[in-house]
Amino acid sequence: MPTVQVPGTQLHFYFTDSGAPSTLTDYTTFILIHGHTFHGAVFQKLLPIAPAHSARVICINRREYSGSTPHSAEELAVYASGTEEERNTLMHQAGVHLALAIDGIIQQCALPSAGSVAIAGWSLGNSFVLAAMAAIMDLPSPVKQRLRSFVKTIIIWNPPSKALGIADPPKAYTPLHDQDLPPADRIPAFGKWVSSYYVHSALTTHDPDQLNYRDADPSRKATFEDMPVKELLTVVDFTVGDKCDTPLLEPPFTSVLASSTRKALFDPEIRDAWGDVKIVHLYGQADVWSSLFAVWNMEKWVEEAQGRAPITFRSNEGVNHFIMWEDPDLALKELLACTK
């Protein structure tokens, strides 16, 4: 299994790689960071079609997921019950480690300087991509310069609002925190809920009361509804969530993720350190409510920044949380469009 070592640590990250398009040296490489429960294999349909799009796709498994270094007992204790300072340190270190891993992949995979790199956090993976962005000033100078030179686009792809440190609206719902469900049923229920399609009313109003929190569109099947369990288990790991991913989405981490998000996207020193990187918020209009709520908050923050921190928004009508599985060709075209 290909892995990349984090310099100065015993940590490594497993990744999959579509490989370089033949004969090209100016292609775009997408480095994808997965979300809660669904690991890097959720992007597997993008790999065989990437060369035809003059692109390369590399998918990293976050820590605790298959092939990558698990967390230490001390780190898991911070996820469960750490202090505010410990939680901030944990996320900062996670950002540093991911940034170093991405830099390692750039070198290990000999990505061409004539091309470009786009980092895309998907779903909860955005928390870690933003932490990596925010950590750039604490990286060794050669790493910082290499990232600035290679990384031309950062894609914030379908983030749930909590992944950005946004407090829930009054009617918020997720099966992960549904006290009416037995604990063992919550993550499987989350899998169906997050992969369903939703019709939201009057999106332009930015009114949380117009969001559809839990009633899936009955005319469209959830992405993985008919998938045999054996096949489903190749793209999910139900054992990780309670250890470290679900705690990130709970109130003790809200201020930590909010601080990381604001620093990554709206701190002038951080934005300048990344150079002319383009930042794009990509989302589907039929996604779960929290994805749309995240967009509304991001739009407000960008407006408040008054042009000092530009972010481009790109939406896909009728698309849910799993476009990369439902329509991989469209997903890759949308990712490429984000880099233009």
Protein backbone atom coordinates (compact mmCIF):
# COMPACT_ATOMS: atom_id res chain seq x y z
CA MET A 1 0.00 0.00 0.00
CA PRO A 2 1.46 3.40 -0.91
CA THR A 3 1.99 5.65 2.07
CA VAL A 4 3.63 8.98 2.74
CA GLN A 5 5.66 9.55 5.90
CA VAL A 6 5.27 12.76 7.89
CA PRO A 7 8.83 14.09 8.43
CA GLY A 8 10.02 14.10 12.01
CA THR A 9 7.25 11.76 13.18
CA GLN A 10 6.26 8.10 13.10
CA LEU A 11 3.05 9.02 11.29
CA HIS A 12 2.13 7.94 7.79
CA PHE A 13 -0.89 8.39 5.54
CA TYR A 14 -2.16 5.79 3.09
CA PHE A 15 -3.17 7.09 -0.33
CA THR A 16 -4.40 5.86 -3.69
CA ASP A 17 -3.22 7.39 -6.95
CA SER A 18 -4.66 7.33 -10.46
CA GLY A 19 -1.18 7.95 -11.84
CA ALA A 20 0.02 10.61 -14.23
CA PRO A 21 -1.75 11.08 -17.56
CA SER A 22 0.57 9.69 -20.22
CA THR A 23 2.74 12.17 -22.14
CA LEU A 24 1.44 15.20 -20.18
CA THR A 25 3.52 17.35 -17.85
CA ASP A 26 1.10 20.21 -17.23
CA TYR A 27 -1.84 18.30 -15.76
CA THR A 28 -3.82 19.12 -12.62
CA THR A 29 -3.50 16.83 -9.61
CA PHE A 30 -6.41 16.66 -7.18
CA ILE A 31 -5.48 15.65 -3.64
CA LEU A 32 -8.73 14.62 -1.95
CA ILE A 33 -9.41 14.41 1.79
CA HIS A 34 -12.47 12.37 2.78
CA GLY A 35 -15.10 12.93 5.44
CA HIS A 36 -16.86 11.10 8.28
CA THR A 37 -17.21 7.29 7.95
CA PHE A 38 -16.72 7.25 4.16
CA HIS A 39 -12.95 6.99 3.59
CA GLY A 40 -10.79 7.57 0.52
CA ALA A 41 -12.36 4.65 -1.37
CA VAL A 42 -15.49 6.76 -1.81
CA PHE A 43 -13.54 8.57 -4.56
CA GLN A 44 -12.49 5.35 -6.32
CA LYS A 45 -14.67 5.92 -9.39
CA LEU A 46 -12.69 9.07 -10.18
CA LEU A 47 -9.37 7.27 -10.52
CA PRO A 48 -9.88 5.28 -13.75
CA ILE A 49 -11.39 8.26 -15.60
CA ALA A 50 -8.88 10.89 -14.44
CA PRO A 51 -6.32 10.39 -17.26
CA ALA A 52 -9.00 10.95 -19.91
CA HIS A 53 -9.63 14.34 -18.31
CA SER A 54 -5.90 15.17 -18.29
CA ALA A 55 -5.98 14.96 -14.52
CA ARG A 56 -4.50 12.95 -11.70
CA VAL A 57 -6.43 12.00 -8.56
CA ILE A 58 -4.78 11.16 -5.24
CA CYS A 59 -6.97 10.19 -2.27
CA ILE A 60 -5.58 10.33 1.26
CA ASN A 61 -6.99 8.28 4.13
CA ARG A 62 -7.09 10.38 7.27
CA ARG A 63 -5.66 9.04 10.51
CA GLU A 64 -7.62 6.23 12.16
CA TYR A 65 -8.78 5.01 8.73
CA SER A 66 -7.35 1.99 6.92
CA GLY A 67 -3.65 2.13 6.13
CA SER A 68 -2.96 5.38 7.99
CA THR A 69 -1.54 5.78 11.49
CA PRO A 70 -4.21 5.59 14.20
CA HIS A 71 -4.41 8.19 16.93
CA SER A 72 -2.63 7.68 20.21
CA ALA A 73 -4.61 7.07 23.39
CA GLU A 74 -3.67 10.59 24.47
CA GLU A 75 -5.04 12.10 21.26
CA LEU A 76 -8.29 10.16 21.52
CA ALA A 77 -8.64 11.39 25.09
CA VAL A 78 -8.45 14.98 23.82
CA TYR A 79 -11.17 14.26 21.27
CA ALA A 80 -13.33 12.84 24.05
CA SER A 81 -12.74 15.28 26.87
CA GLY A 82 -9.80 17.61 26.24
CA THR A 83 -9.54 21.21 27.36
CA GLU A 84 -10.01 24.07 24.91
CA GLU A 85 -6.24 24.51 24.69
CA GLU A 86 -5.71 20.79 24.07
CA ARG A 87 -8.37 20.73 21.36
CA ASN A 88 -6.81 23.72 19.60
CA THR A 89 -3.38 22.09 19.76
CA LEU A 90 -4.77 18.81 18.44
CA MET A 91 -6.34 20.44 15.37
CA HIS A 92 -3.28 22.59 14.73
CA GLN A 93 -1.06 19.50 14.79
CA ALA A 94 -3.50 17.70 12.49
CA GLY A 95 -3.20 20.61 10.06
CA VAL A 96 0.60 20.58 10.20
CA HIS A 97 0.71 16.82 9.64
CA LEU A 98 -1.66 16.97 6.67
CA ALA A 99 0.25 19.86 5.09
CA LEU A 100 3.52 17.93 5.49
CA ALA A 101 1.89 14.81 4.01
CA ILE A 102 0.67 16.76 0.99
CA ASP A 103 4.14 18.21 0.51
CA GLY A 104 5.54 14.69 0.79
CA ILE A 105 3.16 13.45 -1.89
CA ILE A 106 4.18 16.30 -4.20
CA GLN A 107 7.77 15.08 -3.94
CA GLN A 108 7.19 11.32 -3.69
CA CYS A 109 4.86 11.26 -6.71
CA ALA A 110 7.10 13.65 -8.65
CA LEU A 111 4.23 15.98 -9.47
CA PRO A 112 5.32 18.24 -12.33
CA SER A 113 6.13 21.87 -11.65
CA ALA A 114 4.54 22.71 -14.99
CA GLY A 115 1.19 21.48 -13.70
CA SER A 116 -0.82 22.43 -10.64
CA VAL A 117 -2.23 20.90 -7.47
CA ALA A 118 -5.78 21.34 -6.18
CA ILE A 119 -6.47 20.29 -2.60
CA ALA A 120 -10.10 19.34 -2.01
CA GLY A 121 -11.57 18.67 1.39
CA TRP A 122 -14.87 16.83 1.13
CA SER A 123 -17.47 16.90 3.90
CA LEU A 124 -15.74 16.67 7.31
CA GLY A 125 -12.42 16.54 5.47
CA ASN A 126 -12.71 20.30 5.12
CA SER A 127 -11.92 20.73 8.82
CA PHE A 128 -8.51 19.18 8.18
CA VAL A 129 -7.81 21.00 4.92
CA LEU A 130 -8.61 24.32 6.59
CA ALA A 131 -6.40 23.37 9.54
CA ALA A 132 -3.60 22.68 7.04
CA MET A 133 -4.17 26.06 5.41
CA ALA A 134 -4.11 27.80 8.78
CA ALA A 135 -0.84 26.07 9.75
CA ILE A 136 1.25 27.27 6.81
CA MET A 137 3.22 29.81 8.84
CA ASP A 138 4.44 27.01 11.12
CA LEU A 139 5.85 24.84 8.33
CA PRO A 140 9.54 24.68 7.38
CA SER A 141 10.41 27.29 4.78
CA PRO A 142 11.07 24.81 1.92
CA VAL A 143 7.69 23.15 2.55
CA LYS A 144 5.94 26.49 2.63
CA GLN A 145 7.55 27.57 -0.62
CA ARG A 146 6.76 24.27 -2.35
CA LEU A 147 3.10 24.40 -1.34
CA ARG A 148 2.87 28.01 -2.47
CA SER A 149 4.41 27.07 -5.81
CA PHE A 150 2.38 23.92 -6.53
CA VAL A 151 -1.02 24.47 -4.93
CA LYS A 152 -3.12 26.73 -7.12
CA THR A 153 -6.64 25.81 -5.95
CA ILE A 154 -8.26 24.82 -2.67
CA ILE A 155 -11.76 23.38 -2.98
CA ILE A 156 -14.14 23.45 -0.03
CA TRP A 157 -16.42 20.64 -1.16
CA ASN A 158 -19.79 20.01 0.51
CA PRO A 159 -18.71 20.94 4.04
CA PRO A 160 -21.33 20.47 6.75
CA SER A 161 -21.76 23.66 8.74
CA LYS A 162 -20.34 22.10 11.90
CA ALA A 163 -17.10 21.27 10.07
CA LEU A 164 -16.59 25.03 9.72
CA GLY A 165 -17.39 25.72 13.37
CA ILE A 166 -20.88 27.08 12.71
CA ALA A 167 -23.41 26.68 15.51
CA ASP A 168 -26.57 24.80 14.62
CA PRO A 169 -29.87 26.52 13.76
CA PRO A 170 -32.79 25.71 16.10
CA LYS A 171 -34.24 22.86 14.01
CA ALA A 172 -30.92 21.14 13.30
CA TYR A 173 -30.93 17.37 12.94
CA THR A 174 -28.40 14.64 12.32
CA PRO A 175 -28.73 10.94 13.15
CA LEU A 176 -25.33 11.09 14.84
CA HIS A 177 -26.93 12.99 17.71
CA ASP A 178 -30.44 11.50 17.59
CA GLN A 179 -31.15 10.40 21.16
CA ASP A 180 -34.17 8.41 19.96
CA LEU A 181 -31.84 6.07 18.08
CA PRO A 182 -29.83 3.38 19.89
CA PRO A 183 -26.13 4.37 19.78
CA ALA A 184 -25.27 1.39 17.56
CA ASP A 185 -27.81 2.52 14.97
CA ARG A 186 -26.72 6.14 14.67
CA ILE A 187 -23.80 5.85 12.26
CA PRO A 188 -25.63 3.48 9.84
CA ALA A 189 -28.62 5.85 9.96
CA PHE A 190 -26.25 8.73 9.31
CA GLY A 191 -24.94 6.92 6.22
CA LYS A 192 -28.42 6.76 4.68
CA TRP A 193 -29.40 10.27 5.78
CA VAL A 194 -26.27 11.93 4.39
CA SER A 195 -26.49 10.06 1.07
CA SER A 196 -30.14 10.90 0.40
CA TYR A 197 -31.53 13.72 -1.74
CA TYR A 198 -33.41 16.69 -0.31
CA VAL A 199 -35.71 19.34 -1.73
CA HIS A 200 -35.17 22.66 0.05
CA SER A 201 -37.62 25.55 -0.24
CA ALA A 202 -36.63 29.08 -1.21
CA LEU A 203 -32.87 28.72 -0.92
CA THR A 204 -32.32 32.35 -1.87
CA THR A 205 -34.02 33.50 1.34
CA HIS A 206 -31.20 32.15 3.54
CA ASP A 207 -33.93 31.31 6.05
CA PRO A 208 -33.09 28.22 8.14
CA ASP A 209 -36.80 27.50 8.47
CA GLN A 210 -36.89 26.81 4.73
CA LEU A 211 -34.33 24.02 4.98
CA ASN A 212 -35.42 20.39 4.85
CA TYR A 213 -33.73 18.79 7.84
CA ARG A 214 -34.72 15.15 7.61
CA ASP A 215 -37.34 14.31 4.96
CA ALA A 216 -35.54 12.76 2.00
CA ASP A 217 -36.95 13.09 -1.52
CA PRO A 218 -38.97 9.85 -1.93
CA SER A 219 -38.57 9.94 -5.71
CA ARG A 220 -34.80 9.41 -5.51
CA LYS A 221 -32.95 6.61 -3.78
CA ALA A 222 -30.14 7.29 -1.35
CA THR A 223 -26.79 6.74 -3.02
CA PHE A 224 -25.92 3.52 -1.20
CA GLU A 225 -29.46 2.26 -0.54
CA ASP A 226 -29.27 -0.85 -2.72
CA MET A 227 -25.57 -1.54 -2.32
CA PRO A 228 -24.79 -5.00 -0.89
CA VAL A 229 -23.33 -4.78 2.60
CA LYS A 230 -20.10 -6.45 1.51
CA GLU A 231 -19.55 -3.77 -1.13
CA LEU A 232 -20.57 -0.94 1.20
CA LEU A 233 -17.95 -2.04 3.70
CA THR A 234 -15.25 -1.34 1.11
CA VAL A 235 -16.00 2.40 1.26
CA VAL A 236 -16.96 2.92 4.91
CA ASP A 237 -15.54 2.32 8.35
CA PHE A 238 -18.23 2.45 11.01
CA THR A 239 -15.73 2.07 13.86
CA VAL A 240 -13.98 5.43 13.56
CA GLY A 241 -16.77 7.95 14.08
CA ASP A 242 -17.26 7.65 17.82
CA LYS A 243 -13.50 7.80 18.43
CA CYS A 244 -12.65 11.08 16.73
CA ASP A 245 -14.94 12.21 13.89
CA THR A 246 -18.25 12.58 15.74
CA PRO A 247 -16.61 14.49 18.64
CA LEU A 248 -15.38 17.06 16.09
CA LEU A 249 -19.00 17.81 15.26
CA GLU A 250 -20.04 18.37 18.87
CA PRO A 251 -20.18 21.69 20.79
CA PRO A 252 -16.76 21.45 22.53
CA PHE A 253 -15.05 21.67 19.12
CA THR A 254 -17.25 24.43 17.64
CA SER A 255 -15.02 27.33 18.69
CA VAL A 256 -11.88 25.38 17.69
CA LEU A 257 -13.12 24.77 14.15
CA ALA A 258 -14.52 28.29 13.87
CA SER A 259 -11.13 29.75 14.76
CA SER A 260 -9.33 27.48 12.30
CA THR A 261 -11.78 28.31 9.50
CA ARG A 262 -11.57 32.06 10.00
CA LYS A 263 -7.79 31.97 10.22
CA ALA A 264 -7.40 29.85 7.08
CA LEU A 265 -9.77 31.86 4.92
CA PHE A 266 -9.76 35.40 6.29
CA ASP A 267 -6.38 36.04 7.94
CA PRO A 268 -4.46 38.28 5.49
CA GLU A 269 -1.09 36.83 6.50
CA ILE A 270 -2.29 33.27 5.87
CA ARG A 271 -3.89 34.11 2.54
CA ASP A 272 -0.73 35.92 1.45
CA ALA A 273 1.44 32.95 2.46
CA TRP A 274 -0.54 30.73 0.07
CA GLY A 275 0.07 33.15 -2.79
CA ASP A 276 -2.50 33.45 -5.56
CA VAL A 277 -4.35 30.30 -4.54
CA LYS A 278 -7.96 30.21 -5.74
CA ILE A 279 -10.53 29.12 -3.15
CA VAL A 280 -13.80 27.61 -4.36
CA HIS A 281 -16.80 26.48 -2.32
CA LEU A 282 -18.46 23.64 -4.28
CA TYR A 283 -21.83 22.25 -3.22
CA GLY A 284 -24.94 20.39 -4.35
CA GLN A 285 -28.37 21.95 -4.04
CA ALA A 286 -29.98 18.60 -3.08
CA ASP A 287 -27.48 17.97 -0.28
CA VAL A 288 -28.31 17.72 3.42
CA TRP A 289 -29.36 20.94 5.12
CA SER A 290 -26.00 21.54 6.82
CA SER A 291 -24.22 21.88 3.48
CA LEU A 292 -26.56 24.68 2.42
CA PHE A 293 -26.36 26.33 5.84
CA ALA A 294 -22.57 26.32 5.50
CA VAL A 295 -22.82 28.08 2.12
CA TRP A 296 -25.04 30.82 3.53
CA ASN A 297 -22.63 31.51 6.38
CA MET A 298 -19.63 31.46 4.06
CA GLU A 299 -21.32 33.93 1.72
CA LYS A 300 -21.95 36.24 4.68
CA TRP A 301 -18.32 36.04 5.81
CA VAL A 302 -17.05 36.80 2.32
CA GLU A 303 -19.36 39.80 2.08
CA GLU A 304 -18.14 41.06 5.45
CA ALA A 305 -14.54 40.75 4.25
CA GLN A 306 -15.35 43.32 1.54
CA GLY A 307 -13.18 41.80 -1.15
CA ARG A 308 -10.15 41.10 1.02
CA ALA A 309 -10.69 37.32 1.01
CA PRO A 310 -12.28 36.25 -2.28
CA ILE A 311 -14.01 32.88 -2.44
CA THR A 312 -15.84 31.60 -5.51
CA PHE A 313 -19.10 29.67 -5.08
CA ARG A 314 -20.13 26.92 -7.47
CA SER A 315 -23.40 25.00 -7.10
CA ASN A 316 -24.78 21.88 -8.76
CA GLU A 317 -28.55 21.63 -9.14
CA GLY A 318 -30.07 18.28 -8.13
CA VAL A 319 -26.79 16.97 -6.72
CA ASN A 320 -26.49 15.35 -3.30
CA HIS A 321 -23.47 14.71 -1.06
CA PHE A 322 -22.06 11.93 -3.23
CA ILE A 323 -21.70 13.23 -6.78
CA MET A 324 -18.34 11.44 -7.00
CA TRP A 325 -20.19 8.11 -6.72
CA GLU A 326 -23.45 8.95 -8.50
CA ASP A 327 -21.85 10.68 -11.49
CA PRO A 328 -18.04 10.52 -11.36
CA ASP A 329 -17.62 12.07 -14.81
CA LEU A 330 -19.64 15.12 -13.79
CA ALA A 331 -17.81 15.27 -10.46
CA LEU A 332 -14.42 15.39 -12.17
CA LYS A 333 -15.64 18.01 -14.63
CA GLU A 334 -16.88 20.13 -11.72
CA LEU A 335 -13.58 19.77 -9.87
CA LEU A 336 -11.70 20.80 -13.01
CA ALA A 337 -14.04 23.76 -13.48
CA CYS A 338 -13.09 24.92 -9.99
CA THR A 339 -9.47 25.26 -11.13
CA LYS A 340 -10.22 27.47 -14.15
